[in-house]
Amino acid sequence: MPEIGPYTLHSIETGRFGLDGGAMFGIVPKPLWSERIEPDEQNRIPLSMRCLLLTGNDRVVLIDTGVGDTFEGTKFQDIFAVDHSGSTLKSSLAAQGVAPADVTDVILTHLHFDHAGGSTRRVDGDPAVAFPNATYHVQQRHWDWATDPNPKEAQSFRPDTFAPIEETGRLNRVEGETTLLPHVDVSLVHGHTEAQQIVMVRDDETTLVYVADLLPTTHHLSPAWTMAYDVRPLRTIEEKRKFLGQAADSEWKLFFEHDPDVAVADVKRTDRGVQVVNKRPLHAL
């Protein structure tokens, strides 16, 4: 597996789910986006919930947690086509020899259910933290935003998937852009939701960026291809433009959380704007 700084990197597949293709691509007409990702009979497109695991330096660091199992057997699971038949968070961690109690740090890019749902689990019907020895790193501004949500995002925030973190005292309220752990930095974007953390794992040779919902798939690089879920779509456009220019110039490697087919890719400047190149699995980094 690839290494950056003191860490060995592992791609953690936590299952699949589906979101409305029109919502995922906003104003882009269906005949265009459906050529790239085919929707099902309910107009949902398949999406990955791919997390990143860092092991080394006496740490086991998990970036995002997928949807988890809190909603299994409910109407929610059917609406969002949650599919754990191929993988789950727990089984994928176990495949790397990691038990829930081994995880030392959980970095949550934001608290939408498909990114933070696996942070908790059900114990005798009640929610509890899924990683009892971990510190959970969440931006303070985003935590405040999620605990008093606006109507547009209210259904994306499920308090039972993150409230137990605060109750157990394992919440680290991060204040702005910072070096969160050795060789792990976080920067902020605000178009999709307030204070979403973009996680960068770097050393002198390589920078891998966990792009989360700034770029949910490799099909979202073009300025107009933004999600209807974004609370500030014009800001998303500007944040993507700035980020992709930096990524191309600095030769950053991008790790895609939701792309059903691509885990890692590079980007380069072309006469058609910044384009994705060299799509590959993480182990080929």
Protein backbone atom coordinates (compact mmCIF):
# COMPACT_ATOMS: atom_id res chain seq x y z
CA MET A 1 0.00 0.00 0.00
CA PRO A 2 1.18 3.59 -0.61
CA GLU A 3 2.83 5.63 2.11
CA ILE A 4 2.85 9.37 2.79
CA GLY A 5 4.96 10.63 5.66
CA PRO A 6 4.65 8.16 8.55
CA TYR A 7 1.34 6.72 7.32
CA THR A 8 0.32 3.75 5.24
CA LEU A 9 -2.85 4.58 3.30
CA HIS A 10 -5.86 2.28 2.85
CA SER A 11 -9.04 2.81 0.86
CA ILE A 12 -12.04 1.80 2.97
CA GLU A 13 -15.21 0.96 1.05
CA THR A 14 -18.23 1.31 3.32
CA GLY A 15 -21.03 0.50 0.88
CA ARG A 16 -23.02 2.20 -1.85
CA PHE A 17 -26.04 4.46 -1.91
CA GLY A 18 -28.03 6.49 -4.40
CA LEU A 19 -29.00 10.13 -4.76
CA ASP A 20 -31.22 11.81 -7.33
CA GLY A 21 -29.17 12.49 -10.43
CA GLY A 22 -30.85 15.82 -11.05
CA ALA A 23 -29.98 16.97 -7.55
CA MET A 24 -26.39 15.77 -7.94
CA PHE A 25 -25.87 17.75 -11.15
CA GLY A 26 -28.07 20.78 -10.58
CA ILE A 27 -28.83 22.72 -13.78
CA VAL A 28 -27.04 20.25 -16.06
CA PRO A 29 -29.64 18.55 -18.33
CA LYS A 30 -30.24 14.86 -17.77
CA PRO A 31 -29.22 13.89 -21.34
CA LEU A 32 -25.73 15.17 -20.49
CA TRP A 33 -25.12 13.77 -17.01
CA SER A 34 -26.85 10.44 -17.71
CA GLU A 35 -24.26 9.71 -20.42
CA ARG A 36 -21.67 9.59 -17.64
CA ILE A 37 -23.61 7.94 -14.80
CA GLU A 38 -26.73 5.98 -15.64
CA PRO A 39 -29.63 6.50 -13.22
CA ASP A 40 -31.98 3.80 -11.96
CA GLU A 41 -35.74 3.76 -12.46
CA GLN A 42 -36.12 6.27 -9.61
CA ASN A 43 -33.56 8.63 -11.18
CA ARG A 44 -30.94 7.82 -8.53
CA ILE A 45 -27.29 7.51 -9.50
CA PRO A 46 -24.99 5.00 -7.76
CA LEU A 47 -22.45 6.54 -5.42
CA SER A 48 -19.62 5.17 -3.34
CA MET A 49 -18.99 5.95 0.32
CA ARG A 50 -15.22 5.56 0.18
CA CYS A 51 -13.28 6.50 3.30
CA LEU A 52 -9.55 6.83 3.89
CA LEU A 53 -7.57 5.07 6.61
CA LEU A 54 -4.12 6.17 7.78
CA THR A 55 -2.04 3.83 9.92
CA GLY A 56 1.32 4.64 11.47
CA ASN A 57 3.01 7.04 13.86
CA ASP A 58 1.12 5.28 16.70
CA ARG A 59 -2.17 6.38 15.17
CA VAL A 60 -5.09 4.84 13.32
CA VAL A 61 -6.85 7.71 11.56
CA LEU A 62 -10.17 7.34 9.74
CA ILE A 63 -11.42 10.10 7.43
CA ASP A 64 -15.23 10.06 7.23
CA THR A 65 -17.34 7.04 8.15
CA GLY A 66 -20.01 6.50 5.49
CA VAL A 67 -23.68 6.07 6.34
CA GLY A 68 -23.17 3.34 8.95
CA ASP A 69 -25.87 0.89 10.04
CA THR A 70 -28.12 3.21 12.05
CA PHE A 71 -30.76 3.29 9.33
CA GLU A 72 -30.79 -0.39 8.33
CA GLY A 73 -34.26 -1.83 7.96
CA THR A 74 -35.90 1.61 7.75
CA LYS A 75 -37.62 3.60 5.01
CA PHE A 76 -34.49 5.75 4.88
CA GLN A 77 -32.45 2.80 3.62
CA ASP A 78 -34.89 2.22 0.77
CA ILE A 79 -35.17 5.89 -0.22
CA PHE A 80 -31.42 6.27 -0.53
CA ALA A 81 -30.76 2.77 -1.92
CA VAL A 82 -28.25 2.04 0.85
CA ASP A 83 -26.44 -1.16 -0.12
CA HIS A 84 -24.06 -2.93 2.25
CA SER A 85 -24.06 -6.24 0.39
CA GLY A 86 -20.56 -5.68 -0.95
CA SER A 87 -18.89 -3.91 1.95
CA THR A 88 -19.44 -2.22 5.28
CA LEU A 89 -17.30 0.11 7.34
CA LYS A 90 -16.67 -2.55 9.97
CA SER A 91 -15.83 -5.33 7.49
CA SER A 92 -13.48 -3.12 5.46
CA LEU A 93 -11.63 -2.02 8.58
CA ALA A 94 -11.40 -5.64 9.73
CA ALA A 95 -9.86 -6.55 6.38
CA GLN A 96 -7.02 -4.16 7.28
CA GLY A 97 -6.71 -5.69 10.76
CA VAL A 98 -8.38 -2.73 12.45
CA ALA A 99 -11.00 -3.14 15.18
CA PRO A 100 -13.23 -0.21 16.21
CA ALA A 101 -11.35 0.15 19.50
CA ASP A 102 -8.06 0.57 17.57
CA VAL A 103 -9.08 3.82 15.88
CA THR A 104 -7.40 6.81 17.53
CA ASP A 105 -8.79 9.63 15.38
CA VAL A 106 -11.87 10.20 13.23
CA ILE A 107 -11.77 13.25 10.97
CA LEU A 108 -15.24 14.19 9.73
CA THR A 109 -15.27 16.44 6.68
CA HIS A 110 -18.84 17.39 7.59
CA LEU A 111 -21.83 15.90 9.36
CA HIS A 112 -24.18 14.95 6.52
CA PHE A 113 -25.48 11.42 7.07
CA ASP A 114 -23.45 9.85 4.23
CA HIS A 115 -20.21 11.17 5.73
CA ALA A 116 -20.78 10.87 9.48
CA GLY A 117 -23.41 8.15 9.89
CA GLY A 118 -20.87 5.46 10.70
CA SER A 119 -19.54 7.50 13.62
CA THR A 120 -22.20 5.95 15.83
CA ARG A 121 -23.86 2.57 16.21
CA ARG A 122 -26.90 1.13 17.95
CA VAL A 123 -26.44 -0.46 21.38
CA ASP A 124 -29.66 -1.93 22.78
CA GLY A 125 -31.56 0.43 20.52
CA ASP A 126 -29.71 3.56 21.65
CA PRO A 127 -27.00 5.44 19.70
CA ALA A 128 -23.41 5.20 20.95
CA VAL A 129 -20.04 6.13 19.48
CA ALA A 130 -18.73 3.49 17.08
CA PHE A 131 -15.05 4.14 17.91
CA PRO A 132 -14.87 4.37 21.70
CA ASN A 133 -11.20 5.33 21.95
CA ALA A 134 -11.11 7.84 19.12
CA THR A 135 -11.04 11.61 19.16
CA TYR A 136 -13.55 12.98 16.65
CA HIS A 137 -12.32 16.07 14.82
CA VAL A 138 -15.08 18.41 13.57
CA GLN A 139 -14.95 22.10 12.71
CA GLN A 140 -16.58 24.18 15.46
CA ARG A 141 -18.39 26.36 12.90
CA HIS A 142 -19.77 23.31 11.16
CA TRP A 143 -20.85 21.67 14.41
CA ASP A 144 -22.85 24.79 15.29
CA TRP A 145 -24.30 24.83 11.78
CA ALA A 146 -25.36 21.16 11.94
CA THR A 147 -26.93 21.37 15.39
CA ASP A 148 -29.16 24.26 14.30
CA PRO A 149 -29.69 23.39 10.63
CA ASN A 150 -31.32 25.45 7.92
CA PRO A 151 -34.39 23.97 6.18
CA LYS A 152 -32.46 22.99 3.05
CA GLU A 153 -30.02 20.81 4.96
CA ALA A 154 -32.16 19.61 7.83
CA GLN A 155 -32.74 16.16 6.30
CA SER A 156 -29.02 15.71 5.65
CA PHE A 157 -28.14 16.12 9.32
CA ARG A 158 -29.25 13.22 11.53
CA PRO A 159 -28.47 14.14 15.16
CA ASP A 160 -28.36 10.55 16.34
CA THR A 161 -25.31 10.02 14.12
CA PHE A 162 -23.22 12.70 15.84
CA ALA A 163 -24.82 13.82 19.12
CA PRO A 164 -23.29 10.89 21.07
CA ILE A 165 -19.82 12.19 20.18
CA GLU A 166 -20.34 15.32 22.26
CA GLU A 167 -22.05 13.40 25.03
CA THR A 168 -19.02 11.15 25.52
CA GLY A 169 -16.58 14.05 25.57
CA ARG A 170 -14.61 12.80 22.59
CA LEU A 171 -15.27 15.79 20.33
CA ASN A 172 -12.39 18.01 19.27
CA ARG A 173 -13.85 21.30 18.08
CA VAL A 174 -11.41 22.40 15.40
CA GLU A 175 -10.98 26.13 14.87
CA GLY A 176 -10.29 26.89 11.22
CA GLU A 177 -7.56 25.73 8.88
CA THR A 178 -4.75 23.98 10.70
CA THR A 179 -2.30 21.11 10.88
CA LEU A 180 -4.57 18.67 12.64
CA LEU A 181 -2.08 15.81 13.03
CA PRO A 182 1.51 15.34 11.85
CA HIS A 183 1.42 15.42 8.02
CA VAL A 184 -2.36 15.96 8.05
CA ASP A 185 -3.74 19.44 7.30
CA VAL A 186 -7.30 20.65 6.92
CA SER A 187 -8.54 23.55 4.81
CA LEU A 188 -12.10 24.89 4.62
CA VAL A 189 -14.70 25.39 1.91
CA HIS A 190 -18.17 26.79 2.44
CA GLY A 191 -20.16 26.29 -0.77
CA HIS A 192 -21.59 22.84 -0.11
CA THR A 193 -22.10 23.43 3.60
CA GLU A 194 -20.60 25.72 6.21
CA ALA A 195 -16.96 24.91 7.09
CA GLN A 196 -16.50 21.62 5.28
CA GLN A 197 -13.02 20.23 5.99
CA ILE A 198 -10.86 19.24 3.04
CA VAL A 199 -8.17 16.89 4.34
CA MET A 200 -4.63 16.90 2.95
CA VAL A 201 -2.12 14.14 3.73
CA ARG A 202 1.31 15.33 2.67
CA ASP A 203 5.05 14.95 2.82
CA ASP A 204 7.90 16.46 0.78
CA GLU A 205 7.06 14.31 -2.25
CA THR A 206 3.30 13.71 -2.32
CA THR A 207 0.07 15.45 -1.36
CA LEU A 208 -3.15 13.44 -1.38
CA VAL A 209 -6.32 15.47 -0.96
CA TYR A 210 -9.56 13.94 0.32
CA VAL A 211 -11.92 16.18 -1.63
CA ALA A 212 -15.22 15.06 0.00
CA ASP A 213 -18.19 17.03 -1.40
CA LEU A 214 -16.18 19.83 -2.96
CA LEU A 215 -15.81 17.36 -5.86
CA PRO A 216 -18.15 14.46 -5.15
CA THR A 217 -17.17 12.64 -8.37
CA THR A 218 -14.75 13.07 -11.25
CA HIS A 219 -17.70 14.44 -13.25
CA HIS A 220 -18.02 17.55 -11.09
CA LEU A 221 -14.95 19.51 -12.17
CA SER A 222 -16.71 21.79 -14.68
CA PRO A 223 -17.97 25.02 -13.08
CA ALA A 224 -21.67 24.51 -13.85
CA TRP A 225 -21.68 20.88 -12.71
CA THR A 226 -22.55 21.64 -9.12
CA MET A 227 -25.03 19.98 -6.81
CA ALA A 228 -28.47 21.30 -5.98
CA TYR A 229 -27.56 20.28 -2.42
CA ASP A 230 -24.96 23.07 -2.21
CA VAL A 231 -26.13 25.87 0.07
CA ARG A 232 -23.99 28.44 -1.77
CA PRO A 233 -23.60 27.19 -5.37
CA LEU A 234 -21.85 30.30 -6.68
CA ARG A 235 -19.29 29.98 -3.92
CA THR A 236 -18.81 26.29 -4.81
CA ILE A 237 -17.96 27.36 -8.36
CA GLU A 238 -15.29 29.77 -7.13
CA GLU A 239 -13.92 27.28 -4.58
CA LYS A 240 -13.63 24.59 -7.25
CA ARG A 241 -11.87 26.99 -9.64
CA LYS A 242 -9.30 28.01 -7.05
CA PHE A 243 -8.77 24.49 -5.72
CA LEU A 244 -8.39 22.83 -9.12
CA GLY A 245 -5.87 25.43 -10.24
CA GLN A 246 -3.78 24.78 -7.12
CA ALA A 247 -4.16 21.01 -7.53
CA ALA A 248 -3.00 21.08 -11.15
CA ASP A 249 -0.08 23.43 -10.51
CA SER A 250 1.06 21.57 -7.38
CA GLU A 251 0.45 18.07 -8.79
CA TRP A 252 -1.82 17.08 -5.94
CA LYS A 253 -3.42 13.64 -6.04
CA LEU A 254 -7.18 13.68 -5.44
CA PHE A 255 -9.09 11.02 -3.50
CA PHE A 256 -12.77 10.79 -4.43
CA GLU A 257 -15.27 9.74 -1.79
CA HIS A 258 -18.40 9.30 -3.90
CA ASP A 259 -17.21 8.42 -7.40
CA PRO A 260 -18.46 4.86 -8.01
CA ASP A 261 -15.55 3.97 -10.30
CA VAL A 262 -12.55 6.18 -9.45
CA ALA A 263 -10.71 6.37 -6.15
CA VAL A 264 -7.68 8.49 -7.11
CA ALA A 265 -6.90 10.79 -10.02
CA ASP A 266 -4.66 13.67 -11.05
CA VAL A 267 -5.78 16.88 -12.75
CA LYS A 268 -4.09 19.01 -15.39
CA ARG A 269 -4.75 22.28 -17.19
CA THR A 270 -5.98 21.94 -20.78
CA ASP A 271 -7.53 24.24 -23.38
CA ARG A 272 -10.87 22.97 -22.06
CA GLY A 273 -10.10 23.84 -18.47
CA VAL A 274 -8.80 21.58 -15.72
CA GLN A 275 -9.41 17.93 -16.59
CA VAL A 276 -9.10 14.61 -14.74
CA VAL A 277 -6.26 12.34 -15.83
CA ASN A 278 -4.62 9.13 -14.63
CA LYS A 279 -7.61 7.57 -12.88
CA ARG A 280 -6.54 4.69 -10.65
CA PRO A 281 -7.08 2.81 -7.38
CA LEU A 282 -5.34 4.02 -4.26
CA HIS A 283 -2.80 1.21 -4.26
CA ALA A 284 -1.49 2.56 -7.58
CA LEU A 285 -0.69 5.95 -6.03
